[in-house]
Amino acid sequence: MDGPRWDEQREAVKETGAIFQKSAGTWIIETDRDALPVDTVNRLYEIAAEYGTQVHVIIGKD
């Protein structure tokens, strides 16, 4: 995705502490499974709603 809206979204997501994994085309937040960052996840959903994108939460095994 390119363009001004993508740039705006990218900056908003970066503020959550997520990093962009270019090979997968996804934003990644690494955290302890016992302490999911609820405020951060909520903010990511707000950003997705504003920009018409999606949030997928994946909880991996250790």
PDB file of N, CA and C in Angstrom:
ATOM      1  N   MET A   1       0.846  -1.178   0.000  1.00  0.00           N
ATOM      2  CA  MET A   1       0.000   0.000   0.000  1.00  0.00           C
ATOM      3  C   MET A   1       0.886   1.234   0.000  1.00  0.00           C
ATOM      4  N   ASP A   2       0.524   2.163  -0.831  1.00  0.00           N
ATOM      5  CA  ASP A   2       1.249   3.408  -0.882  1.00  0.00           C
ATOM      6  C   ASP A   2       0.266   4.564  -0.808  1.00  0.00           C
ATOM      7  N   GLY A   3       0.793   5.729  -0.633  1.00  0.00           N
ATOM      8  CA  GLY A   3      -0.038   6.920  -0.642  1.00  0.00           C
ATOM      9  C   GLY A   3      -0.145   7.546   0.726  1.00  0.00           C
ATOM     10  N   PRO A   4      -0.742   8.725   0.753  1.00  0.00           N
ATOM     11  CA  PRO A   4      -0.820   9.482   2.010  1.00  0.00           C
ATOM     12  C   PRO A   4      -1.575   8.762   3.126  1.00  0.00           C
ATOM     13  N   ARG A   5      -2.659   8.052   2.795  1.00  0.00           N
ATOM     14  CA  ARG A   5      -3.423   7.351   3.843  1.00  0.00           C
ATOM     15  C   ARG A   5      -2.588   6.231   4.451  1.00  0.00           C
ATOM     16  N   TRP A   6      -1.803   5.536   3.617  1.00  0.00           N
ATOM     17  CA  TRP A   6      -0.945   4.485   4.139  1.00  0.00           C
ATOM     18  C   TRP A   6       0.104   5.088   5.063  1.00  0.00           C
ATOM     19  N   ASP A   7       0.675   6.221   4.659  1.00  0.00           N
ATOM     20  CA  ASP A   7       1.677   6.885   5.495  1.00  0.00           C
ATOM     21  C   ASP A   7       1.087   7.276   6.844  1.00  0.00           C
ATOM     22  N   GLU A   8      -0.134   7.805   6.820  1.00  0.00           N
ATOM     23  CA  GLU A   8      -0.815   8.177   8.074  1.00  0.00           C
ATOM     24  C   GLU A   8      -1.038   6.955   8.954  1.00  0.00           C
ATOM     25  N   GLN A   9      -1.521   5.880   8.345  1.00  0.00           N
ATOM     26  CA  GLN A   9      -1.783   4.654   9.112  1.00  0.00           C
ATOM     27  C   GLN A   9      -0.486   4.090   9.666  1.00  0.00           C
ATOM     28  N   ARG A  10       0.545   4.071   8.851  1.00  0.00           N
ATOM     29  CA  ARG A  10       1.837   3.532   9.286  1.00  0.00           C
ATOM     30  C   ARG A  10       2.348   4.289  10.509  1.00  0.00           C
ATOM     31  N   GLU A  11       2.237   5.606  10.504  1.00  0.00           N
ATOM     32  CA  GLU A  11       2.685   6.396  11.649  1.00  0.00           C
ATOM     33  C   GLU A  11       1.835   6.122  12.886  1.00  0.00           C
ATOM     34  N   ALA A  12       0.531   5.984  12.713  1.00  0.00           N
ATOM     35  CA  ALA A  12      -0.362   5.696  13.842  1.00  0.00           C
ATOM     36  C   ALA A  12      -0.029   4.344  14.461  1.00  0.00           C
ATOM     37  N   VAL A  13       0.205   3.345  13.621  1.00  0.00           N
ATOM     38  CA  VAL A  13       0.514   2.000  14.119  1.00  0.00           C
ATOM     39  C   VAL A  13       1.877   1.986  14.804  1.00  0.00           C
ATOM     40  N   LYS A  14       2.856   2.692  14.225  1.00  0.00           N
ATOM     41  CA  LYS A  14       4.191   2.741  14.838  1.00  0.00           C
ATOM     42  C   LYS A  14       4.125   3.255  16.268  1.00  0.00           C
ATOM     43  N   GLU A  15       3.212   4.189  16.521  1.00  0.00           N
ATOM     44  CA  GLU A  15       3.075   4.759  17.863  1.00  0.00           C
ATOM     45  C   GLU A  15       2.630   3.719  18.895  1.00  0.00           C
ATOM     46  N   THR A  16       2.070   2.599  18.447  1.00  0.00           N
ATOM     47  CA  THR A  16       1.638   1.548  19.374  1.00  0.00           C
ATOM     48  C   THR A  16       2.806   0.666  19.802  1.00  0.00           C
ATOM     49  N   GLY A  17       3.954   0.811  19.115  1.00  0.00           N
ATOM     50  CA  GLY A  17       5.103  -0.029  19.408  1.00  0.00           C
ATOM     51  C   GLY A  17       5.234  -1.219  18.474  1.00  0.00           C
ATOM     52  N   ALA A  18       4.305  -1.344  17.544  1.00  0.00           N
ATOM     53  CA  ALA A  18       4.370  -2.432  16.580  1.00  0.00           C
ATOM     54  C   ALA A  18       5.484  -2.173  15.569  1.00  0.00           C
ATOM     55  N   ILE A  19       6.024  -3.252  15.034  1.00  0.00           N
ATOM     56  CA  ILE A  19       7.025  -3.126  13.980  1.00  0.00           C
ATOM     57  C   ILE A  19       6.471  -3.787  12.726  1.00  0.00           C
ATOM     58  N   PHE A  20       6.840  -3.273  11.567  1.00  0.00           N
ATOM     59  CA  PHE A  20       6.345  -3.808  10.302  1.00  0.00           C
ATOM     60  C   PHE A  20       7.273  -4.903   9.818  1.00  0.00           C
ATOM     61  N   GLN A  21       6.732  -6.077   9.596  1.00  0.00           N
ATOM     62  CA  GLN A  21       7.501  -7.194   9.060  1.00  0.00           C
ATOM     63  C   GLN A  21       7.202  -7.253   7.562  1.00  0.00           C
ATOM     64  N   LYS A  22       8.125  -6.697   6.785  1.00  0.00           N
ATOM     65  CA  LYS A  22       7.908  -6.531   5.347  1.00  0.00           C
ATOM     66  C   LYS A  22       7.661  -7.853   4.630  1.00  0.00           C
ATOM     67  N   SER A  23       8.406  -8.896   4.978  1.00  0.00           N
ATOM     68  CA  SER A  23       8.264 -10.181   4.282  1.00  0.00           C
ATOM     69  C   SER A  23       6.858 -10.760   4.400  1.00  0.00           C
ATOM     70  N   ALA A  24       6.206 -10.529   5.529  1.00  0.00           N
ATOM     71  CA  ALA A  24       4.850 -11.041   5.736  1.00  0.00           C
ATOM     72  C   ALA A  24       3.786  -9.973   5.475  1.00  0.00           C
ATOM     73  N   GLY A  25       4.221  -8.712   5.368  1.00  0.00           N
ATOM     74  CA  GLY A  25       3.268  -7.629   5.161  1.00  0.00           C
ATOM     75  C   GLY A  25       2.375  -7.392   6.359  1.00  0.00           C
ATOM     76  N   THR A  26       2.926  -7.596   7.556  1.00  0.00           N
ATOM     77  CA  THR A  26       2.118  -7.457   8.771  1.00  0.00           C
ATOM     78  C   THR A  26       2.838  -6.622   9.821  1.00  0.00           C
ATOM     79  N   TRP A  27       2.069  -6.115  10.736  1.00  0.00           N
ATOM     80  CA  TRP A  27       2.607  -5.433  11.910  1.00  0.00           C
ATOM     81  C   TRP A  27       2.701  -6.447  13.035  1.00  0.00           C
ATOM     82  N   ILE A  28       3.793  -6.419  13.759  1.00  0.00           N
ATOM     83  CA  ILE A  28       4.037  -7.409  14.812  1.00  0.00           C
ATOM     84  C   ILE A  28       4.250  -6.691  16.147  1.00  0.00           C
ATOM     85  N   ILE A  29       3.591  -7.208  17.177  1.00  0.00           N
ATOM     86  CA  ILE A  29       3.863  -6.773  18.546  1.00  0.00           C
ATOM     87  C   ILE A  29       4.192  -8.033  19.328  1.00  0.00           C
ATOM     88  N   GLU A  30       5.363  -8.078  19.881  1.00  0.00           N
ATOM     89  CA  GLU A  30       5.742  -9.229  20.698  1.00  0.00           C
ATOM     90  C   GLU A  30       5.500  -8.879  22.159  1.00  0.00           C
ATOM     91  N   THR A  31       4.860  -9.808  22.853  1.00  0.00           N
ATOM     92  CA  THR A  31       4.528  -9.556  24.250  1.00  0.00           C
ATOM     93  C   THR A  31       4.412 -10.880  24.985  1.00  0.00           C
ATOM     94  N   ASP A  32       4.414 -10.804  26.268  1.00  0.00           N
ATOM     95  CA  ASP A  32       4.221 -11.970  27.124  1.00  0.00           C
ATOM     96  C   ASP A  32       2.766 -12.417  27.015  1.00  0.00           C
ATOM     97  N   ARG A  33       2.540 -13.701  26.811  1.00  0.00           N
ATOM     98  CA  ARG A  33       1.159 -14.203  26.682  1.00  0.00           C
ATOM     99  C   ARG A  33       0.325 -13.920  27.920  1.00  0.00           C
ATOM    100  N   ASP A  34       0.963 -13.789  29.064  1.00  0.00           N
ATOM    101  CA  ASP A  34       0.218 -13.561  30.299  1.00  0.00           C
ATOM    102  C   ASP A  34      -0.107 -12.089  30.529  1.00  0.00           C
ATOM    103  N   ALA A  35       0.377 -11.222  29.633  1.00  0.00           N
ATOM    104  CA  ALA A  35       0.145  -9.791  29.816  1.00  0.00           C
ATOM    105  C   ALA A  35      -0.169  -9.136  28.473  1.00  0.00           C
ATOM    106  N   LEU A  36      -1.267  -9.558  27.856  1.00  0.00           N
ATOM    107  CA  LEU A  36      -1.631  -8.988  26.566  1.00  0.00           C
ATOM    108  C   LEU A  36      -1.907  -7.492  26.724  1.00  0.00           C
ATOM    109  N   PRO A  37      -1.384  -6.680  25.816  1.00  0.00           N
ATOM    110  CA  PRO A  37      -1.531  -5.224  25.911  1.00  0.00           C
ATOM    111  C   PRO A  37      -2.903  -4.766  25.419  1.00  0.00           C
ATOM    112  N   VAL A  38      -3.900  -4.822  26.292  1.00  0.00           N
ATOM    113  CA  VAL A  38      -5.287  -4.546  25.919  1.00  0.00           C
ATOM    114  C   VAL A  38      -5.438  -3.147  25.318  1.00  0.00           C
ATOM    115  N   ASP A  39      -4.833  -2.148  25.907  1.00  0.00           N
ATOM    116  CA  ASP A  39      -4.935  -0.788  25.382  1.00  0.00           C
ATOM    117  C   ASP A  39      -4.355  -0.707  23.974  1.00  0.00           C
ATOM    118  N   THR A  40      -3.241  -1.393  23.749  1.00  0.00           N
ATOM    119  CA  THR A  40      -2.605  -1.383  22.426  1.00  0.00           C
ATOM    120  C   THR A  40      -3.485  -2.096  21.408  1.00  0.00           C
ATOM    121  N   VAL A  41      -4.035  -3.224  21.776  1.00  0.00           N
ATOM    122  CA  VAL A  41      -4.906  -3.961  20.862  1.00  0.00           C
ATOM    123  C   VAL A  41      -6.132  -3.107  20.526  1.00  0.00           C
ATOM    124  N   ASN A  42      -6.724  -2.461  21.513  1.00  0.00           N
ATOM    125  CA  ASN A  42      -7.862  -1.582  21.265  1.00  0.00           C
ATOM    126  C   ASN A  42      -7.491  -0.459  20.304  1.00  0.00           C
ATOM    127  N   ARG A  43      -6.316   0.121  20.483  1.00  0.00           N
ATOM    128  CA  ARG A  43      -5.869   1.209  19.606  1.00  0.00           C
ATOM    129  C   ARG A  43      -5.685   0.691  18.176  1.00  0.00           C
ATOM    130  N   LEU A  44      -5.146  -0.509  18.021  1.00  0.00           N
ATOM    131  CA  LEU A  44      -4.981  -1.075  16.683  1.00  0.00           C
ATOM    132  C   LEU A  44      -6.335  -1.268  15.994  1.00  0.00           C
ATOM    133  N   TYR A  45      -7.350  -1.694  16.739  1.00  0.00           N
ATOM    134  CA  TYR A  45      -8.693  -1.824  16.168  1.00  0.00           C
ATOM    135  C   TYR A  45      -9.258  -0.469  15.778  1.00  0.00           C
ATOM    136  N   GLU A  46      -9.008   0.556  16.574  1.00  0.00           N
ATOM    137  CA  GLU A  46      -9.454   1.912  16.231  1.00  0.00           C
ATOM    138  C   GLU A  46      -8.808   2.371  14.924  1.00  0.00           C
ATOM    139  N   ILE A  47      -7.509   2.123  14.788  1.00  0.00           N
ATOM    140  CA  ILE A  47      -6.787   2.507  13.572  1.00  0.00           C
ATOM    141  C   ILE A  47      -7.340   1.745  12.369  1.00  0.00           C
ATOM    142  N   ALA A  48      -7.565   0.448  12.537  1.00  0.00           N
ATOM    143  CA  ALA A  48      -8.098  -0.367  11.449  1.00  0.00           C
ATOM    144  C   ALA A  48      -9.474   0.136  11.011  1.00  0.00           C
ATOM    145  N   ALA A  49     -10.315   0.497  11.960  1.00  0.00           N
ATOM    146  CA  ALA A  49     -11.645   1.004  11.621  1.00  0.00           C
ATOM    147  C   ALA A  49     -11.536   2.323  10.853  1.00  0.00           C
ATOM    148  N   GLU A  50     -10.616   3.171  11.269  1.00  0.00           N
ATOM    149  CA  GLU A  50     -10.447   4.463  10.611  1.00  0.00           C
ATOM    150  C   GLU A  50      -9.940   4.315   9.178  1.00  0.00           C
ATOM    151  N   TYR A  51      -9.035   3.365   8.947  1.00  0.00           N
ATOM    152  CA  TYR A  51      -8.396   3.226   7.637  1.00  0.00           C
ATOM    153  C   TYR A  51      -8.945   2.078   6.801  1.00  0.00           C
ATOM    154  N   GLY A  52      -9.926   1.376   7.315  1.00  0.00           N
ATOM    155  CA  GLY A  52     -10.526   0.291   6.542  1.00  0.00           C
ATOM    156  C   GLY A  52      -9.622  -0.910   6.358  1.00  0.00           C
ATOM    157  N   THR A  53      -8.822  -1.202   7.377  1.00  0.00           N
ATOM    158  CA  THR A  53      -7.926  -2.358   7.330  1.00  0.00           C
ATOM    159  C   THR A  53      -8.345  -3.373   8.387  1.00  0.00           C
ATOM    160  N   GLN A  54      -7.544  -4.383   8.626  1.00  0.00           N
ATOM    161  CA  GLN A  54      -7.902  -5.453   9.543  1.00  0.00           C
ATOM    162  C   GLN A  54      -6.851  -5.666  10.608  1.00  0.00           C
ATOM    163  N   VAL A  55      -7.305  -6.223  11.720  1.00  0.00           N
ATOM    164  CA  VAL A  55      -6.404  -6.626  12.807  1.00  0.00           C
ATOM    165  C   VAL A  55      -6.606  -8.131  13.013  1.00  0.00           C
ATOM    166  N   HIS A  56      -5.504  -8.860  13.082  1.00  0.00           N
ATOM    167  CA  HIS A  56      -5.548 -10.291  13.381  1.00  0.00           C
ATOM    168  C   HIS A  56      -4.693 -10.509  14.619  1.00  0.00           C
ATOM    169  N   VAL A  57      -5.256 -11.109  15.620  1.00  0.00           N
ATOM    170  CA  VAL A  57      -4.507 -11.408  16.840  1.00  0.00           C
ATOM    171  C   VAL A  57      -4.151 -12.888  16.801  1.00  0.00           C
ATOM    172  N   ILE A  58      -2.869 -13.167  16.901  1.00  0.00           N
ATOM    173  CA  ILE A  58      -2.386 -14.545  16.900  1.00  0.00           C
ATOM    174  C   ILE A  58      -1.580 -14.746  18.174  1.00  0.00           C
ATOM    175  N   ILE A  59      -1.987 -15.699  18.953  1.00  0.00           N
ATOM    176  CA  ILE A  59      -1.252 -16.014  20.174  1.00  0.00           C
ATOM    177  C   ILE A  59      -0.486 -17.305  19.909  1.00  0.00           C
ATOM    178  N   GLY A  60       0.823 -17.181  19.854  1.00  0.00           N
ATOM    179  CA  GLY A  60       1.659 -18.330  19.520  1.00  0.00           C
ATOM    180  C   GLY A  60       2.041 -19.142  20.737  1.00  0.00           C
ATOM    181  N   LYS A  61       2.497 -20.318  20.464  1.00  0.00           N
ATOM    182  CA  LYS A  61       2.987 -21.188  21.529  1.00  0.00           C
ATOM    183  C   LYS A  61       4.432 -20.833  21.826  1.00  0.00           C
ATOM    184  N   ASP A  62       4.825 -20.957  23.072  1.00  0.00           N
ATOM    185  CA  ASP A  62       6.215 -20.699  23.449  1.00  0.00           C
ATOM    186  C   ASP A  62       7.111 -21.807  23.013  1.00  0.00           C
TER     187      ASP A  62
END
